Amino acid sequence: MDLFSKSYHYLIQSVLREEIFIFILKQLDLIYASNIPIFLVLDEFQDIALIDEAEALFRNGLEHIHSQIPVVISGSKQHLLNHIFARPKAPFFNWGTHVYFEAINYHEYWQYMDERFQTGRIPHLI
């Protein structure tokens, strides 16, 4: 495969990815228009930094979905998320509201879950 063929192949893959992404976002709009509640969650979002031009594609796509569709972006690598949202020339610069969650205390979490198991709201698995 020569350099031209590799470049052409990459271009086709990029266009297909973009078309698929846009198709998915349009489906979200159709679902919303059908009065079906929708909530978009993008977890481990920092991984888009690994894909060329993905940040710009996501930003453009998210600006075109209905404004009433809530979007939550989360991830486990705070420094990479900061890189995506804090760089002045980045597509996601100052996009949305940033919320940081502290670690949940183990004992508080255990008590919370145990109460749910006791009331039968969550079936026991053990």
N, C-alpha and C. Protein backbone atom coordinates (compact mmCIF):
# COMPACT_ATOMS: atom_id res chain seq x y z
N MET A 1 0.85 -1.18 0.00
CA MET A 1 0.00 0.00 0.00
C MET A 1 0.89 1.24 0.00
N ASP A 2 0.73 2.14 -0.96
CA ASP A 2 1.56 3.33 -1.03
C ASP A 2 1.03 4.42 -0.08
N LEU A 3 1.77 5.50 0.03
CA LEU A 3 1.41 6.59 0.93
C LEU A 3 0.05 7.19 0.58
N PHE A 4 -0.25 7.34 -0.72
CA PHE A 4 -1.54 7.88 -1.14
C PHE A 4 -2.67 6.98 -0.68
N SER A 5 -2.51 5.69 -0.86
CA SER A 5 -3.55 4.73 -0.46
C SER A 5 -3.78 4.77 1.04
N LYS A 6 -2.70 4.86 1.82
CA LYS A 6 -2.84 4.94 3.28
C LYS A 6 -3.57 6.23 3.66
N SER A 7 -3.22 7.34 3.04
CA SER A 7 -3.87 8.61 3.35
C SER A 7 -5.35 8.57 2.98
N TYR A 8 -5.64 8.00 1.83
CA TYR A 8 -7.03 7.90 1.36
C TYR A 8 -7.83 7.00 2.30
N HIS A 9 -7.24 5.89 2.72
CA HIS A 9 -7.90 4.97 3.65
C HIS A 9 -8.21 5.68 4.97
N TYR A 10 -7.23 6.44 5.48
CA TYR A 10 -7.43 7.18 6.72
C TYR A 10 -8.54 8.20 6.56
N LEU A 11 -8.58 8.90 5.42
CA LEU A 11 -9.60 9.90 5.17
C LEU A 11 -10.99 9.26 5.16
N ILE A 12 -11.12 8.13 4.51
CA ILE A 12 -12.42 7.42 4.48
C ILE A 12 -12.83 7.03 5.90
N GLN A 13 -11.90 6.48 6.68
CA GLN A 13 -12.21 6.10 8.05
C GLN A 13 -12.65 7.32 8.86
N SER A 14 -11.97 8.45 8.70
CA SER A 14 -12.31 9.66 9.44
C SER A 14 -13.70 10.15 9.07
N VAL A 15 -14.01 10.16 7.78
CA VAL A 15 -15.32 10.61 7.32
C VAL A 15 -16.40 9.68 7.86
N LEU A 16 -16.16 8.39 7.82
CA LEU A 16 -17.15 7.44 8.33
C LEU A 16 -17.37 7.63 9.82
N ARG A 17 -16.31 7.83 10.58
CA ARG A 17 -16.44 8.06 12.01
C ARG A 17 -17.28 9.31 12.27
N GLU A 18 -16.99 10.35 11.53
CA GLU A 18 -17.73 11.60 11.71
C GLU A 18 -19.20 11.41 11.34
N GLU A 19 -19.46 10.71 10.25
CA GLU A 19 -20.84 10.47 9.84
C GLU A 19 -21.58 9.62 10.87
N ILE A 20 -20.92 8.63 11.42
CA ILE A 20 -21.54 7.78 12.44
C ILE A 20 -21.84 8.60 13.69
N PHE A 21 -20.91 9.43 14.09
CA PHE A 21 -21.11 10.27 15.26
C PHE A 21 -22.29 11.22 15.05
N ILE A 22 -22.33 11.87 13.89
CA ILE A 22 -23.44 12.78 13.58
C ILE A 22 -24.75 12.01 13.54
N PHE A 23 -24.75 10.81 12.99
CA PHE A 23 -25.95 9.98 12.94
C PHE A 23 -26.45 9.69 14.36
N ILE A 24 -25.53 9.34 15.26
CA ILE A 24 -25.91 9.05 16.65
C ILE A 24 -26.54 10.28 17.29
N LEU A 25 -25.93 11.44 17.10
CA LEU A 25 -26.49 12.67 17.68
C LEU A 25 -27.85 13.00 17.10
N LYS A 26 -28.05 12.75 15.82
CA LYS A 26 -29.37 12.98 15.22
C LYS A 26 -30.40 12.03 15.82
N GLN A 27 -29.98 10.81 16.11
CA GLN A 27 -30.90 9.86 16.74
C GLN A 27 -31.31 10.35 18.13
N LEU A 28 -30.38 10.96 18.85
CA LEU A 28 -30.72 11.53 20.16
C LEU A 28 -31.78 12.61 20.01
N ASP A 29 -31.63 13.46 19.00
CA ASP A 29 -32.63 14.49 18.76
C ASP A 29 -33.99 13.88 18.42
N LEU A 30 -34.00 12.82 17.63
CA LEU A 30 -35.27 12.16 17.28
C LEU A 30 -35.93 11.55 18.51
N ILE A 31 -35.13 10.95 19.37
CA ILE A 31 -35.66 10.39 20.61
C ILE A 31 -36.27 11.50 21.45
N TYR A 32 -35.53 12.60 21.59
CA TYR A 32 -36.03 13.74 22.37
C TYR A 32 -37.33 14.28 21.77
N ALA A 33 -37.39 14.39 20.45
CA ALA A 33 -38.58 14.90 19.77
C ALA A 33 -39.79 13.98 19.97
N SER A 34 -39.54 12.72 20.30
CA SER A 34 -40.61 11.76 20.54
C SER A 34 -41.09 11.79 21.99
N ASN A 35 -40.66 12.80 22.74
CA ASN A 35 -41.03 12.97 24.15
C ASN A 35 -40.55 11.82 25.04
N ILE A 36 -39.47 11.20 24.64
CA ILE A 36 -38.85 10.18 25.47
C ILE A 36 -37.72 10.86 26.23
N PRO A 37 -37.75 10.80 27.56
CA PRO A 37 -36.68 11.46 28.32
C PRO A 37 -35.32 10.88 27.94
N ILE A 38 -34.36 11.75 27.82
CA ILE A 38 -33.02 11.32 27.43
C ILE A 38 -31.99 12.09 28.25
N PHE A 39 -30.92 11.41 28.56
CA PHE A 39 -29.85 11.96 29.38
C PHE A 39 -28.55 11.39 28.82
N LEU A 40 -27.70 12.22 28.25
CA LEU A 40 -26.47 11.76 27.60
C LEU A 40 -25.31 11.82 28.59
N VAL A 41 -24.68 10.66 28.84
CA VAL A 41 -23.53 10.59 29.73
C VAL A 41 -22.34 10.07 28.93
N LEU A 42 -21.28 10.83 28.94
CA LEU A 42 -20.04 10.44 28.25
C LEU A 42 -18.98 10.22 29.33
N ASP A 43 -18.77 8.96 29.69
CA ASP A 43 -17.82 8.62 30.75
C ASP A 43 -16.45 8.35 30.15
N GLU A 44 -15.44 8.54 30.98
CA GLU A 44 -14.03 8.40 30.57
C GLU A 44 -13.74 9.28 29.35
N PHE A 45 -14.30 10.48 29.40
CA PHE A 45 -14.25 11.41 28.28
C PHE A 45 -12.82 11.83 27.93
N GLN A 46 -11.91 11.75 28.89
CA GLN A 46 -10.53 12.17 28.61
C GLN A 46 -9.89 11.36 27.49
N ASP A 47 -10.47 10.20 27.19
CA ASP A 47 -9.91 9.35 26.14
C ASP A 47 -10.07 9.94 24.74
N ILE A 48 -10.92 10.96 24.57
CA ILE A 48 -11.03 11.55 23.24
C ILE A 48 -9.75 12.27 22.84
N ALA A 49 -8.93 12.61 23.82
CA ALA A 49 -7.67 13.27 23.52
C ALA A 49 -6.73 12.35 22.73
N LEU A 50 -7.01 11.06 22.74
CA LEU A 50 -6.18 10.09 22.02
C LEU A 50 -6.52 10.02 20.53
N ILE A 51 -7.61 10.65 20.12
CA ILE A 51 -8.07 10.59 18.73
C ILE A 51 -7.94 11.97 18.10
N ASP A 52 -7.21 12.05 17.00
CA ASP A 52 -7.03 13.32 16.31
C ASP A 52 -8.37 13.97 15.99
N GLU A 53 -8.48 15.24 16.30
CA GLU A 53 -9.63 16.07 15.96
C GLU A 53 -10.94 15.65 16.63
N ALA A 54 -10.89 14.71 17.55
CA ALA A 54 -12.12 14.25 18.21
C ALA A 54 -12.74 15.34 19.07
N GLU A 55 -11.92 16.14 19.73
CA GLU A 55 -12.47 17.19 20.59
C GLU A 55 -13.33 18.15 19.77
N ALA A 56 -12.82 18.59 18.64
CA ALA A 56 -13.58 19.52 17.80
C ALA A 56 -14.85 18.87 17.26
N LEU A 57 -14.76 17.61 16.88
CA LEU A 57 -15.93 16.89 16.37
C LEU A 57 -17.00 16.77 17.45
N PHE A 58 -16.60 16.38 18.65
CA PHE A 58 -17.56 16.27 19.75
C PHE A 58 -18.17 17.62 20.08
N ARG A 59 -17.36 18.65 20.16
CA ARG A 59 -17.88 19.99 20.50
C ARG A 59 -18.90 20.43 19.46
N ASN A 60 -18.57 20.27 18.20
CA ASN A 60 -19.49 20.64 17.13
C ASN A 60 -20.78 19.82 17.22
N GLY A 61 -20.65 18.53 17.43
CA GLY A 61 -21.82 17.67 17.53
C GLY A 61 -22.70 18.01 18.71
N LEU A 62 -22.08 18.25 19.86
CA LEU A 62 -22.86 18.55 21.06
C LEU A 62 -23.57 19.90 20.96
N GLU A 63 -23.02 20.80 20.18
CA GLU A 63 -23.70 22.09 19.99
C GLU A 63 -24.92 21.95 19.10
N HIS A 64 -25.03 20.86 18.36
CA HIS A 64 -26.14 20.69 17.43
C HIS A 64 -27.26 19.79 17.95
N ILE A 65 -27.10 19.21 19.15
CA ILE A 65 -28.22 18.46 19.69
C ILE A 65 -29.14 19.44 20.42
N HIS A 66 -30.36 19.03 20.67
CA HIS A 66 -31.35 19.90 21.30
C HIS A 66 -30.81 20.41 22.63
N SER A 67 -31.00 21.68 22.89
CA SER A 67 -30.43 22.30 24.09
C SER A 67 -31.04 21.77 25.38
N GLN A 68 -32.19 21.10 25.31
CA GLN A 68 -32.83 20.56 26.50
C GLN A 68 -32.35 19.15 26.86
N ILE A 69 -31.47 18.58 26.05
CA ILE A 69 -30.91 17.26 26.37
C ILE A 69 -29.73 17.48 27.31
N PRO A 70 -29.86 17.01 28.56
CA PRO A 70 -28.75 17.20 29.49
C PRO A 70 -27.56 16.31 29.10
N VAL A 71 -26.37 16.88 29.23
CA VAL A 71 -25.14 16.17 28.89
C VAL A 71 -24.22 16.18 30.11
N VAL A 72 -23.76 15.01 30.51
CA VAL A 72 -22.80 14.90 31.60
C VAL A 72 -21.54 14.28 31.03
N ILE A 73 -20.44 14.96 31.24
CA ILE A 73 -19.14 14.46 30.80
C ILE A 73 -18.34 14.14 32.06
N SER A 74 -17.84 12.92 32.13
CA SER A 74 -17.08 12.54 33.31
C SER A 74 -15.84 11.75 32.90
N GLY A 75 -14.96 11.60 33.85
CA GLY A 75 -13.76 10.83 33.61
C GLY A 75 -12.99 10.64 34.89
N SER A 76 -12.06 9.74 34.86
CA SER A 76 -11.31 9.40 36.07
C SER A 76 -9.94 10.06 36.13
N LYS A 77 -9.52 10.68 35.06
CA LYS A 77 -8.18 11.29 35.02
C LYS A 77 -8.32 12.81 34.97
N GLN A 78 -8.36 13.40 36.17
CA GLN A 78 -8.62 14.83 36.32
C GLN A 78 -7.66 15.70 35.52
N HIS A 79 -6.38 15.35 35.51
CA HIS A 79 -5.40 16.18 34.80
C HIS A 79 -5.67 16.20 33.29
N LEU A 80 -6.13 15.08 32.73
CA LEU A 80 -6.44 15.05 31.29
C LEU A 80 -7.74 15.80 31.00
N LEU A 81 -8.72 15.67 31.88
CA LEU A 81 -9.95 16.46 31.70
C LEU A 81 -9.65 17.95 31.78
N ASN A 82 -8.79 18.34 32.72
CA ASN A 82 -8.40 19.75 32.82
C ASN A 82 -7.74 20.21 31.53
N HIS A 83 -6.94 19.35 30.92
CA HIS A 83 -6.28 19.70 29.67
C HIS A 83 -7.32 19.93 28.56
N ILE A 84 -8.36 19.15 28.55
CA ILE A 84 -9.40 19.27 27.52
C ILE A 84 -10.23 20.54 27.73
N PHE A 85 -10.54 20.87 28.98
CA PHE A 85 -11.47 21.97 29.26
C PHE A 85 -10.82 23.28 29.66
N ALA A 86 -9.53 23.29 29.94
CA ALA A 86 -8.90 24.51 30.45
C ALA A 86 -7.98 25.22 29.47
N ARG A 87 -7.62 24.59 28.36
CA ARG A 87 -6.74 25.24 27.39
C ARG A 87 -7.54 26.31 26.62
N PRO A 88 -7.09 27.55 26.62
CA PRO A 88 -7.85 28.62 25.95
C PRO A 88 -8.18 28.37 24.48
N LYS A 89 -7.34 27.66 23.75
CA LYS A 89 -7.62 27.42 22.33
C LYS A 89 -8.27 26.06 22.07
N ALA A 90 -8.61 25.34 23.13
CA ALA A 90 -9.21 24.02 23.00
C ALA A 90 -10.69 24.14 22.66
N PRO A 91 -11.23 23.20 21.89
CA PRO A 91 -12.66 23.25 21.53
C PRO A 91 -13.61 23.27 22.73
N PHE A 92 -13.22 22.64 23.83
CA PHE A 92 -14.10 22.58 25.00
C PHE A 92 -13.75 23.61 26.07
N PHE A 93 -12.96 24.61 25.72
CA PHE A 93 -12.58 25.63 26.70
C PHE A 93 -13.83 26.29 27.28
N ASN A 94 -13.94 26.27 28.60
CA ASN A 94 -15.07 26.87 29.34
C ASN A 94 -16.43 26.35 28.91
N TRP A 95 -16.50 25.11 28.48
CA TRP A 95 -17.77 24.52 28.07
C TRP A 95 -18.43 23.89 29.28
N GLY A 96 -19.66 24.25 29.56
CA GLY A 96 -20.42 23.64 30.64
C GLY A 96 -20.00 24.11 32.01
N THR A 97 -20.53 23.44 33.00
CA THR A 97 -20.23 23.72 34.40
C THR A 97 -19.38 22.58 34.94
N HIS A 98 -18.31 22.92 35.59
CA HIS A 98 -17.40 21.91 36.11
C HIS A 98 -17.76 21.60 37.56
N VAL A 99 -17.92 20.33 37.86
CA VAL A 99 -18.24 19.88 39.21
C VAL A 99 -17.24 18.79 39.58
N TYR A 100 -16.64 18.93 40.73
CA TYR A 100 -15.71 17.92 41.20
C TYR A 100 -16.34 17.16 42.36
N PHE A 101 -16.31 15.85 42.31
CA PHE A 101 -16.85 15.02 43.37
C PHE A 101 -15.70 14.44 44.19
N GLU A 102 -15.79 14.63 45.48
CA GLU A 102 -14.82 14.02 46.39
C GLU A 102 -15.09 12.51 46.46
N ALA A 103 -14.11 11.78 46.93
CA ALA A 103 -14.29 10.35 47.14
C ALA A 103 -15.38 10.12 48.17
N ILE A 104 -16.17 9.09 47.95
CA ILE A 104 -17.23 8.74 48.88
C ILE A 104 -16.63 7.92 50.02
N ASN A 105 -16.94 8.31 51.24
CA ASN A 105 -16.47 7.59 52.40
C ASN A 105 -16.97 6.15 52.35
N TYR A 106 -16.07 5.21 52.53
CA TYR A 106 -16.42 3.79 52.40
C TYR A 106 -17.54 3.40 53.36
N HIS A 107 -17.45 3.82 54.61
CA HIS A 107 -18.45 3.42 55.60
C HIS A 107 -19.82 4.04 55.31
N GLU A 108 -19.83 5.29 54.85
CA GLU A 108 -21.10 5.91 54.48
C GLU A 108 -21.72 5.19 53.27
N TYR A 109 -20.90 4.84 52.31
CA TYR A 109 -21.39 4.12 51.13
C TYR A 109 -21.93 2.75 51.54
N TRP A 110 -21.19 2.04 52.38
CA TRP A 110 -21.60 0.72 52.82
C TRP A 110 -22.95 0.79 53.55
N GLN A 111 -23.10 1.77 54.43
CA GLN A 111 -24.36 1.93 55.16
C GLN A 111 -25.50 2.25 54.20
N TYR A 112 -25.25 3.13 53.26
CA TYR A 112 -26.27 3.50 52.27
C TYR A 112 -26.72 2.27 51.47
N MET A 113 -25.79 1.49 50.98
CA MET A 113 -26.12 0.30 50.20
C MET A 113 -26.80 -0.76 51.07
N ASP A 114 -26.31 -0.92 52.29
CA ASP A 114 -26.90 -1.91 53.19
C ASP A 114 -28.37 -1.58 53.48
N GLU A 115 -28.66 -0.30 53.66
CA GLU A 115 -30.06 0.11 53.88
C GLU A 115 -30.93 -0.25 52.69
N ARG A 116 -30.43 -0.09 51.49
CA ARG A 116 -31.20 -0.42 50.29
C ARG A 116 -31.45 -1.92 50.18
N PHE A 117 -30.44 -2.71 50.55
CA PHE A 117 -30.61 -4.16 50.53
C PHE A 117 -31.63 -4.59 51.58
N GLN A 118 -31.60 -3.94 52.73
CA GLN A 118 -32.51 -4.31 53.82
C GLN A 118 -33.96 -4.01 53.47
N THR A 119 -34.21 -2.96 52.72
CA THR A 119 -35.59 -2.59 52.39
C THR A 119 -36.10 -3.35 51.18
N GLY A 120 -35.22 -4.11 50.55
CA GLY A 120 -35.63 -4.90 49.37
C GLY A 120 -35.62 -4.11 48.08
N ARG A 121 -35.14 -2.86 48.14
CA ARG A 121 -35.10 -2.05 46.92
C ARG A 121 -34.00 -2.52 45.98
N ILE A 122 -33.01 -3.24 46.53
CA ILE A 122 -31.96 -3.85 45.72
C ILE A 122 -31.85 -5.29 46.19
N PRO A 123 -31.98 -6.25 45.32
CA PRO A 123 -31.91 -7.65 45.76
C PRO A 123 -30.50 -8.03 46.23
N HIS A 124 -30.46 -8.87 47.24
CA HIS A 124 -29.17 -9.38 47.72
C HIS A 124 -28.53 -10.28 46.68
N LEU A 125 -27.27 -10.06 46.45
CA LEU A 125 -26.53 -10.90 45.51
C LEU A 125 -25.62 -11.87 46.23
N ILE A 126 -25.41 -11.65 47.51
CA ILE A 126 -24.50 -12.49 48.28
C ILE A 126 -25.30 -13.47 49.14
